Amino acid sequence: MKKNLLASLVLAPMLLAAALAHAQDTHSDKETKADIQRHRAMAAAHEAAAKCLESGKGHDTCQKELQAACKTLAIGKYCGMRHAH
């Protein structure tokens, strides 16, 4: 009995997470096109950040420009990406 209870306590959240993930995967064509545009805009912002660093402006300056460019595009201050330094 305890094993069944434990199994249900473990499996229920996993099934809920799977159901939520599946529900989020179903987008309309309009939503998919909007996602594509956001990804391209984020890619352009990251490319601009790379060019900023290449120009010698410095990490802090380029980071602030990236954050400004991504303000409405992605969640968090790293424009959807973060890497180790």
PDB file of N, CA and C in Angstrom:
ATOM      1  N   MET A   1       0.821  -1.197   0.000  1.00  0.00           N
ATOM      2  CA  MET A   1       0.000   0.000   0.000  1.00  0.00           C
ATOM      3  C   MET A   1       0.862   1.256   0.000  1.00  0.00           C
ATOM      4  N   LYS A   2       1.913   1.249   0.828  1.00  0.00           N
ATOM      5  CA  LYS A   2       2.787   2.412   0.891  1.00  0.00           C
ATOM      6  C   LYS A   2       3.503   2.644  -0.433  1.00  0.00           C
ATOM      7  N   LYS A   3       3.862   1.540  -1.105  1.00  0.00           N
ATOM      8  CA  LYS A   3       4.540   1.675  -2.399  1.00  0.00           C
ATOM      9  C   LYS A   3       3.620   2.307  -3.429  1.00  0.00           C
ATOM     10  N   ASN A   4       2.362   1.922  -3.431  1.00  0.00           N
ATOM     11  CA  ASN A   4       1.404   2.502  -4.383  1.00  0.00           C
ATOM     12  C   ASN A   4       1.194   3.979  -4.108  1.00  0.00           C
ATOM     13  N   LEU A   5       1.115   4.355  -2.848  1.00  0.00           N
ATOM     14  CA  LEU A   5       0.940   5.753  -2.491  1.00  0.00           C
ATOM     15  C   LEU A   5       2.159   6.560  -2.906  1.00  0.00           C
ATOM     16  N   LEU A   6       3.325   6.024  -2.613  1.00  0.00           N
ATOM     17  CA  LEU A   6       4.564   6.701  -2.982  1.00  0.00           C
ATOM     18  C   LEU A   6       4.672   6.845  -4.498  1.00  0.00           C
ATOM     19  N   ALA A   7       4.339   5.783  -5.212  1.00  0.00           N
ATOM     20  CA  ALA A   7       4.387   5.823  -6.675  1.00  0.00           C
ATOM     21  C   ALA A   7       3.429   6.881  -7.217  1.00  0.00           C
ATOM     22  N   SER A   8       2.241   6.972  -6.655  1.00  0.00           N
ATOM     23  CA  SER A   8       1.277   7.961  -7.144  1.00  0.00           C
ATOM     24  C   SER A   8       1.728   9.377  -6.804  1.00  0.00           C
ATOM     25  N   LEU A   9       2.390   9.561  -5.672  1.00  0.00           N
ATOM     26  CA  LEU A   9       2.892  10.880  -5.308  1.00  0.00           C
ATOM     27  C   LEU A   9       4.038  11.315  -6.218  1.00  0.00           C
ATOM     28  N   VAL A  10       4.781  10.362  -6.729  1.00  0.00           N
ATOM     29  CA  VAL A  10       5.883  10.667  -7.633  1.00  0.00           C
ATOM     30  C   VAL A  10       5.379  10.828  -9.063  1.00  0.00           C
ATOM     31  N   LEU A  11       4.492   9.962  -9.477  1.00  0.00           N
ATOM     32  CA  LEU A  11       4.025   9.971 -10.863  1.00  0.00           C
ATOM     33  C   LEU A  11       3.057  11.113 -11.177  1.00  0.00           C
ATOM     34  N   ALA A  12       2.227  11.491 -10.239  1.00  0.00           N
ATOM     35  CA  ALA A  12       1.229  12.528 -10.513  1.00  0.00           C
ATOM     36  C   ALA A  12       1.867  13.844 -10.964  1.00  0.00           C
ATOM     37  N   PRO A  13       2.870  14.356 -10.246  1.00  0.00           N
ATOM     38  CA  PRO A  13       3.490  15.603 -10.738  1.00  0.00           C
ATOM     39  C   PRO A  13       4.176  15.431 -12.088  1.00  0.00           C
ATOM     40  N   MET A  14       4.743  14.258 -12.329  1.00  0.00           N
ATOM     41  CA  MET A  14       5.406  14.016 -13.609  1.00  0.00           C
ATOM     42  C   MET A  14       4.389  14.022 -14.745  1.00  0.00           C
ATOM     43  N   LEU A  15       3.256  13.414 -14.525  1.00  0.00           N
ATOM     44  CA  LEU A  15       2.207  13.396 -15.551  1.00  0.00           C
ATOM     45  C   LEU A  15       1.649  14.792 -15.785  1.00  0.00           C
ATOM     46  N   LEU A  16       1.487  15.554 -14.720  1.00  0.00           N
ATOM     47  CA  LEU A  16       1.013  16.928 -14.863  1.00  0.00           C
ATOM     48  C   LEU A  16       2.009  17.765 -15.656  1.00  0.00           C
ATOM     49  N   ALA A  17       3.288  17.617 -15.359  1.00  0.00           N
ATOM     50  CA  ALA A  17       4.320  18.359 -16.091  1.00  0.00           C
ATOM     51  C   ALA A  17       4.319  17.975 -17.565  1.00  0.00           C
ATOM     52  N   ALA A  18       4.165  16.695 -17.853  1.00  0.00           N
ATOM     53  CA  ALA A  18       4.125  16.236 -19.244  1.00  0.00           C
ATOM     54  C   ALA A  18       2.908  16.803 -19.972  1.00  0.00           C
ATOM     55  N   ALA A  19       1.782  16.831 -19.295  1.00  0.00           N
ATOM     56  CA  ALA A  19       0.562  17.380 -19.909  1.00  0.00           C
ATOM     57  C   ALA A  19       0.716  18.868 -20.184  1.00  0.00           C
ATOM     58  N   LEU A  20       1.302  19.588 -19.243  1.00  0.00           N
ATOM     59  CA  LEU A  20       1.520  21.020 -19.444  1.00  0.00           C
ATOM     60  C   LEU A  20       2.497  21.281 -20.583  1.00  0.00           C
ATOM     61  N   ALA A  21       3.541  20.487 -20.663  1.00  0.00           N
ATOM     62  CA  ALA A  21       4.519  20.647 -21.746  1.00  0.00           C
ATOM     63  C   ALA A  21       3.852  20.394 -23.094  1.00  0.00           C
ATOM     64  N   HIS A  22       3.008  19.361 -23.162  1.00  0.00           N
ATOM     65  CA  HIS A  22       2.316  19.066 -24.414  1.00  0.00           C
ATOM     66  C   HIS A  22       1.359  20.199 -24.782  1.00  0.00           C
ATOM     67  N   ALA A  23       0.669  20.759 -23.799  1.00  0.00           N
ATOM     68  CA  ALA A  23      -0.266  21.850 -24.062  1.00  0.00           C
ATOM     69  C   ALA A  23       0.463  23.078 -24.587  1.00  0.00           C
ATOM     70  N   GLN A  24       1.682  23.296 -24.117  1.00  0.00           N
ATOM     71  CA  GLN A  24       2.441  24.453 -24.565  1.00  0.00           C
ATOM     72  C   GLN A  24       3.008  24.258 -25.969  1.00  0.00           C
ATOM     73  N   ASP A  25       3.131  23.032 -26.420  1.00  0.00           N
ATOM     74  CA  ASP A  25       3.702  22.751 -27.730  1.00  0.00           C
ATOM     75  C   ASP A  25       2.722  23.004 -28.874  1.00  0.00           C
ATOM     76  N   THR A  26       1.462  23.146 -28.580  1.00  0.00           N
ATOM     77  CA  THR A  26       0.478  23.344 -29.630  1.00  0.00           C
ATOM     78  C   THR A  26       0.256  24.838 -29.836  1.00  0.00           C
ATOM     79  N   HIS A  27       0.854  25.365 -30.886  1.00  0.00           N
ATOM     80  CA  HIS A  27       0.734  26.780 -31.227  1.00  0.00           C
ATOM     81  C   HIS A  27       0.010  26.924 -32.555  1.00  0.00           C
ATOM     82  N   SER A  28      -0.697  28.019 -32.679  1.00  0.00           N
ATOM     83  CA  SER A  28      -1.317  28.320 -33.965  1.00  0.00           C
ATOM     84  C   SER A  28      -0.223  28.787 -34.922  1.00  0.00           C
ATOM     85  N   ASP A  29      -0.555  28.867 -36.199  1.00  0.00           N
ATOM     86  CA  ASP A  29       0.405  29.363 -37.191  1.00  0.00           C
ATOM     87  C   ASP A  29       0.846  30.783 -36.862  1.00  0.00           C
ATOM     88  N   LYS A  30      -0.079  31.596 -36.389  1.00  0.00           N
ATOM     89  CA  LYS A  30       0.231  32.981 -36.043  1.00  0.00           C
ATOM     90  C   LYS A  30       1.232  33.029 -34.877  1.00  0.00           C
ATOM     91  N   GLU A  31       1.017  32.182 -33.867  1.00  0.00           N
ATOM     92  CA  GLU A  31       1.929  32.129 -32.719  1.00  0.00           C
ATOM     93  C   GLU A  31       3.305  31.619 -33.126  1.00  0.00           C
ATOM     94  N   THR A  32       3.322  30.630 -34.002  1.00  0.00           N
ATOM     95  CA  THR A  32       4.592  30.092 -34.478  1.00  0.00           C
ATOM     96  C   THR A  32       5.370  31.148 -35.248  1.00  0.00           C
ATOM     97  N   LYS A  33       4.692  31.900 -36.094  1.00  0.00           N
ATOM     98  CA  LYS A  33       5.354  32.973 -36.847  1.00  0.00           C
ATOM     99  C   LYS A  33       5.890  34.049 -35.913  1.00  0.00           C
ATOM    100  N   ALA A  34       5.146  34.365 -34.865  1.00  0.00           N
ATOM    101  CA  ALA A  34       5.611  35.350 -33.881  1.00  0.00           C
ATOM    102  C   ALA A  34       6.851  34.834 -33.153  1.00  0.00           C
ATOM    103  N   ASP A  35       6.860  33.535 -32.815  1.00  0.00           N
ATOM    104  CA  ASP A  35       8.040  32.932 -32.178  1.00  0.00           C
ATOM    105  C   ASP A  35       9.256  33.016 -33.088  1.00  0.00           C
ATOM    106  N   ILE A  36       9.058  32.757 -34.363  1.00  0.00           N
ATOM    107  CA  ILE A  36      10.151  32.818 -35.337  1.00  0.00           C
ATOM    108  C   ILE A  36      10.713  34.236 -35.385  1.00  0.00           C
ATOM    109  N   GLN A  37       9.841  35.221 -35.423  1.00  0.00           N
ATOM    110  CA  GLN A  37      10.294  36.617 -35.452  1.00  0.00           C
ATOM    111  C   GLN A  37      11.077  36.973 -34.191  1.00  0.00           C
ATOM    112  N   ARG A  38      10.599  36.517 -33.019  1.00  0.00           N
ATOM    113  CA  ARG A  38      11.317  36.790 -31.768  1.00  0.00           C
ATOM    114  C   ARG A  38      12.690  36.137 -31.754  1.00  0.00           C
ATOM    115  N   HIS A  39      12.783  34.904 -32.226  1.00  0.00           N
ATOM    116  CA  HIS A  39      14.081  34.215 -32.275  1.00  0.00           C
ATOM    117  C   HIS A  39      15.044  34.933 -33.215  1.00  0.00           C
ATOM    118  N   ARG A  40      14.542  35.386 -34.346  1.00  0.00           N
ATOM    119  CA  ARG A  40      15.410  36.128 -35.276  1.00  0.00           C
ATOM    120  C   ARG A  40      15.859  37.452 -34.671  1.00  0.00           C
ATOM    121  N   ALA A  41      14.966  38.120 -33.961  1.00  0.00           N
ATOM    122  CA  ALA A  41      15.332  39.380 -33.307  1.00  0.00           C
ATOM    123  C   ALA A  41      16.360  39.141 -32.204  1.00  0.00           C
ATOM    124  N   MET A  42      16.200  38.045 -31.431  1.00  0.00           N
ATOM    125  CA  MET A  42      17.190  37.711 -30.401  1.00  0.00           C
ATOM    126  C   MET A  42      18.540  37.392 -31.035  1.00  0.00           C
ATOM    127  N   ALA A  43      18.511  36.663 -32.140  1.00  0.00           N
ATOM    128  CA  ALA A  43      19.759  36.329 -32.840  1.00  0.00           C
ATOM    129  C   ALA A  43      20.449  37.604 -33.330  1.00  0.00           C
ATOM    130  N   ALA A  44      19.670  38.541 -33.855  1.00  0.00           N
ATOM    131  CA  ALA A  44      20.246  39.803 -34.325  1.00  0.00           C
ATOM    132  C   ALA A  44      20.832  40.597 -33.160  1.00  0.00           C
ATOM    133  N   ALA A  45      20.163  40.567 -32.013  1.00  0.00           N
ATOM    134  CA  ALA A  45      20.668  41.269 -30.827  1.00  0.00           C
ATOM    135  C   ALA A  45      21.973  40.647 -30.353  1.00  0.00           C
ATOM    136  N   HIS A  46      22.064  39.334 -30.401  1.00  0.00           N
ATOM    137  CA  HIS A  46      23.303  38.654 -29.999  1.00  0.00           C
ATOM    138  C   HIS A  46      24.426  38.908 -31.010  1.00  0.00           C
ATOM    139  N   GLU A  47      24.084  38.963 -32.268  1.00  0.00           N
ATOM    140  CA  GLU A  47      25.090  39.286 -33.292  1.00  0.00           C
ATOM    141  C   GLU A  47      25.617  40.701 -33.074  1.00  0.00           C
ATOM    142  N   ALA A  48      24.716  41.632 -32.763  1.00  0.00           N
ATOM    143  CA  ALA A  48      25.135  43.000 -32.482  1.00  0.00           C
ATOM    144  C   ALA A  48      26.027  43.056 -31.243  1.00  0.00           C
ATOM    145  N   ALA A  49      25.732  42.230 -30.238  1.00  0.00           N
ATOM    146  CA  ALA A  49      26.563  42.176 -29.032  1.00  0.00           C
ATOM    147  C   ALA A  49      27.949  41.644 -29.363  1.00  0.00           C
ATOM    148  N   ALA A  50      28.026  40.657 -30.234  1.00  0.00           N
ATOM    149  CA  ALA A  50      29.327  40.123 -30.644  1.00  0.00           C
ATOM    150  C   ALA A  50      30.133  41.177 -31.387  1.00  0.00           C
ATOM    151  N   LYS A  51      29.476  41.915 -32.271  1.00  0.00           N
ATOM    152  CA  LYS A  51      30.162  42.987 -33.007  1.00  0.00           C
ATOM    153  C   LYS A  51      30.604  44.104 -32.068  1.00  0.00           C
ATOM    154  N   CYS A  52      29.794  44.372 -31.055  1.00  0.00           N
ATOM    155  CA  CYS A  52      30.148  45.382 -30.056  1.00  0.00           C
ATOM    156  C   CYS A  52      31.429  44.982 -29.340  1.00  0.00           C
ATOM    157  N   LEU A  53      31.496  43.714 -28.923  1.00  0.00           N
ATOM    158  CA  LEU A  53      32.702  43.230 -28.249  1.00  0.00           C
ATOM    159  C   LEU A  53      33.909  43.275 -29.175  1.00  0.00           C
ATOM    160  N   GLU A  54      33.688  42.915 -30.447  1.00  0.00           N
ATOM    161  CA  GLU A  54      34.790  42.959 -31.424  1.00  0.00           C
ATOM    162  C   GLU A  54      35.324  44.376 -31.610  1.00  0.00           C
ATOM    163  N   SER A  55      34.447  45.352 -31.457  1.00  0.00           N
ATOM    164  CA  SER A  55      34.866  46.741 -31.653  1.00  0.00           C
ATOM    165  C   SER A  55      35.691  47.273 -30.480  1.00  0.00           C
ATOM    166  N   GLY A  56      35.709  46.502 -29.393  1.00  0.00           N
ATOM    167  CA  GLY A  56      36.508  46.891 -28.239  1.00  0.00           C
ATOM    168  C   GLY A  56      35.783  47.755 -27.220  1.00  0.00           C
ATOM    169  N   LYS A  57      34.473  47.848 -27.307  1.00  0.00           N
ATOM    170  CA  LYS A  57      33.715  48.700 -26.383  1.00  0.00           C
ATOM    171  C   LYS A  57      33.739  48.213 -24.940  1.00  0.00           C
ATOM    172  N   GLY A  58      33.944  46.949 -24.715  1.00  0.00           N
ATOM    173  CA  GLY A  58      33.969  46.428 -23.349  1.00  0.00           C
ATOM    174  C   GLY A  58      32.705  45.653 -23.008  1.00  0.00           C
ATOM    175  N   HIS A  59      32.874  44.691 -22.120  1.00  0.00           N
ATOM    176  CA  HIS A  59      31.790  43.777 -21.764  1.00  0.00           C
ATOM    177  C   HIS A  59      30.582  44.506 -21.183  1.00  0.00           C
ATOM    178  N   ASP A  60      30.796  45.391 -20.222  1.00  0.00           N
ATOM    179  CA  ASP A  60      29.669  46.062 -19.559  1.00  0.00           C
ATOM    180  C   ASP A  60      28.838  46.902 -20.527  1.00  0.00           C
ATOM    181  N   THR A  61      29.508  47.632 -21.403  1.00  0.00           N
ATOM    182  CA  THR A  61      28.806  48.453 -22.394  1.00  0.00           C
ATOM    183  C   THR A  61      27.993  47.576 -23.337  1.00  0.00           C
ATOM    184  N   CYS A  62      28.612  46.519 -23.827  1.00  0.00           N
ATOM    185  CA  CYS A  62      27.926  45.627 -24.777  1.00  0.00           C
ATOM    186  C   CYS A  62      26.781  44.874 -24.102  1.00  0.00           C
ATOM    187  N   GLN A  63      26.974  44.520 -22.835  1.00  0.00           N
ATOM    188  CA  GLN A  63      25.914  43.836 -22.082  1.00  0.00           C
ATOM    189  C   GLN A  63      24.701  44.758 -21.930  1.00  0.00           C
ATOM    190  N   LYS A  64      24.931  46.027 -21.641  1.00  0.00           N
ATOM    191  CA  LYS A  64      23.827  46.983 -21.504  1.00  0.00           C
ATOM    192  C   LYS A  64      23.095  47.169 -22.832  1.00  0.00           C
ATOM    193  N   GLU A  65      23.835  47.207 -23.933  1.00  0.00           N
ATOM    194  CA  GLU A  65      23.198  47.318 -25.253  1.00  0.00           C
ATOM    195  C   GLU A  65      22.362  46.077 -25.557  1.00  0.00           C
ATOM    196  N   LEU A  66      22.887  44.911 -25.214  1.00  0.00           N
ATOM    197  CA  LEU A  66      22.145  43.660 -25.429  1.00  0.00           C
ATOM    198  C   LEU A  66      20.873  43.654 -24.597  1.00  0.00           C
ATOM    199  N   GLN A  67      20.969  44.053 -23.351  1.00  0.00           N
ATOM    200  CA  GLN A  67      19.787  44.090 -22.487  1.00  0.00           C
ATOM    201  C   GLN A  67      18.735  45.053 -23.029  1.00  0.00           C
ATOM    202  N   ALA A  68      19.156  46.187 -23.543  1.00  0.00           N
ATOM    203  CA  ALA A  68      18.208  47.147 -24.112  1.00  0.00           C
ATOM    204  C   ALA A  68      17.535  46.578 -25.361  1.00  0.00           C
ATOM    205  N   ALA A  69      18.315  45.912 -26.204  1.00  0.00           N
ATOM    206  CA  ALA A  69      17.768  45.349 -27.442  1.00  0.00           C
ATOM    207  C   ALA A  69      16.787  44.211 -27.164  1.00  0.00           C
ATOM    208  N   CYS A  70      16.982  43.512 -26.056  1.00  0.00           N
ATOM    209  CA  CYS A  70      16.169  42.336 -25.752  1.00  0.00           C
ATOM    210  C   CYS A  70      15.064  42.595 -24.742  1.00  0.00           C
ATOM    211  N   LYS A  71      14.883  43.827 -24.368  1.00  0.00           N
ATOM    212  CA  LYS A  71      13.964  44.151 -23.279  1.00  0.00           C
ATOM    213  C   LYS A  71      12.583  43.518 -23.445  1.00  0.00           C
ATOM    214  N   THR A  72      12.022  43.524 -24.610  1.00  0.00           N
ATOM    215  CA  THR A  72      10.678  42.964 -24.810  1.00  0.00           C
ATOM    216  C   THR A  72      10.694  41.605 -25.514  1.00  0.00           C
ATOM    217  N   LEU A  73      11.888  41.067 -25.773  1.00  0.00           N
ATOM    218  CA  LEU A  73      11.983  39.824 -26.544  1.00  0.00           C
ATOM    219  C   LEU A  73      12.050  38.566 -25.696  1.00  0.00           C
ATOM    220  N   ALA A  74      12.786  38.617 -24.605  1.00  0.00           N
ATOM    221  CA  ALA A  74      13.079  37.400 -23.863  1.00  0.00           C
ATOM    222  C   ALA A  74      12.929  37.636 -22.365  1.00  0.00           C
ATOM    223  N   ILE A  75      12.864  36.556 -21.640  1.00  0.00           N
ATOM    224  CA  ILE A  75      12.757  36.603 -20.193  1.00  0.00           C
ATOM    225  C   ILE A  75      14.159  36.684 -19.601  1.00  0.00           C
ATOM    226  N   GLY A  76      14.334  37.514 -18.624  1.00  0.00           N
ATOM    227  CA  GLY A  76      15.622  37.634 -17.960  1.00  0.00           C
ATOM    228  C   GLY A  76      16.522  38.642 -18.635  1.00  0.00           C
ATOM    229  N   LYS A  77      17.635  38.927 -17.988  1.00  0.00           N
ATOM    230  CA  LYS A  77      18.511  39.982 -18.493  1.00  0.00           C
ATOM    231  C   LYS A  77      19.550  39.486 -19.489  1.00  0.00           C
ATOM    232  N   TYR A  78      19.517  38.224 -19.854  1.00  0.00           N
ATOM    233  CA  TYR A  78      20.498  37.682 -20.791  1.00  0.00           C
ATOM    234  C   TYR A  78      19.890  37.334 -22.140  1.00  0.00           C
ATOM    235  N   CYS A  79      18.733  37.858 -22.424  1.00  0.00           N
ATOM    236  CA  CYS A  79      18.086  37.693 -23.735  1.00  0.00           C
ATOM    237  C   CYS A  79      17.938  36.228 -24.118  1.00  0.00           C
ATOM    238  N   GLY A  80      17.495  35.429 -23.177  1.00  0.00           N
ATOM    239  CA  GLY A  80      17.252  34.037 -23.475  1.00  0.00           C
ATOM    240  C   GLY A  80      18.480  33.157 -23.468  1.00  0.00           C
ATOM    241  N   MET A  81      19.657  33.725 -23.212  1.00  0.00           N
ATOM    242  CA  MET A  81      20.896  32.943 -23.190  1.00  0.00           C
ATOM    243  C   MET A  81      21.792  33.433 -22.071  1.00  0.00           C
ATOM    244  N   ARG A  82      22.541  32.514 -21.533  1.00  0.00           N
ATOM    245  CA  ARG A  82      23.552  32.878 -20.566  1.00  0.00           C
ATOM    246  C   ARG A  82      24.673  31.875 -20.705  1.00  0.00           C
ATOM    247  N   HIS A  83      25.897  32.364 -20.699  1.00  0.00           N
ATOM    248  CA  HIS A  83      27.028  31.459 -20.820  1.00  0.00           C
ATOM    249  C   HIS A  83      28.051  31.778 -19.747  1.00  0.00           C
ATOM    250  N   ALA A  84      28.951  30.868 -19.527  1.00  0.00           N
ATOM    251  CA  ALA A  84      29.962  31.022 -18.477  1.00  0.00           C
ATOM    252  C   ALA A  84      31.062  31.985 -18.908  1.00  0.00           C
ATOM    253  N   HIS A  85      31.617  32.660 -17.955  1.00  0.00           N
ATOM    254  CA  HIS A  85      32.769  33.543 -18.191  1.00  0.00           C
ATOM    255  C   HIS A  85      33.892  33.076 -17.331  1.00  0.00           C
TER     256      HIS A  85
END
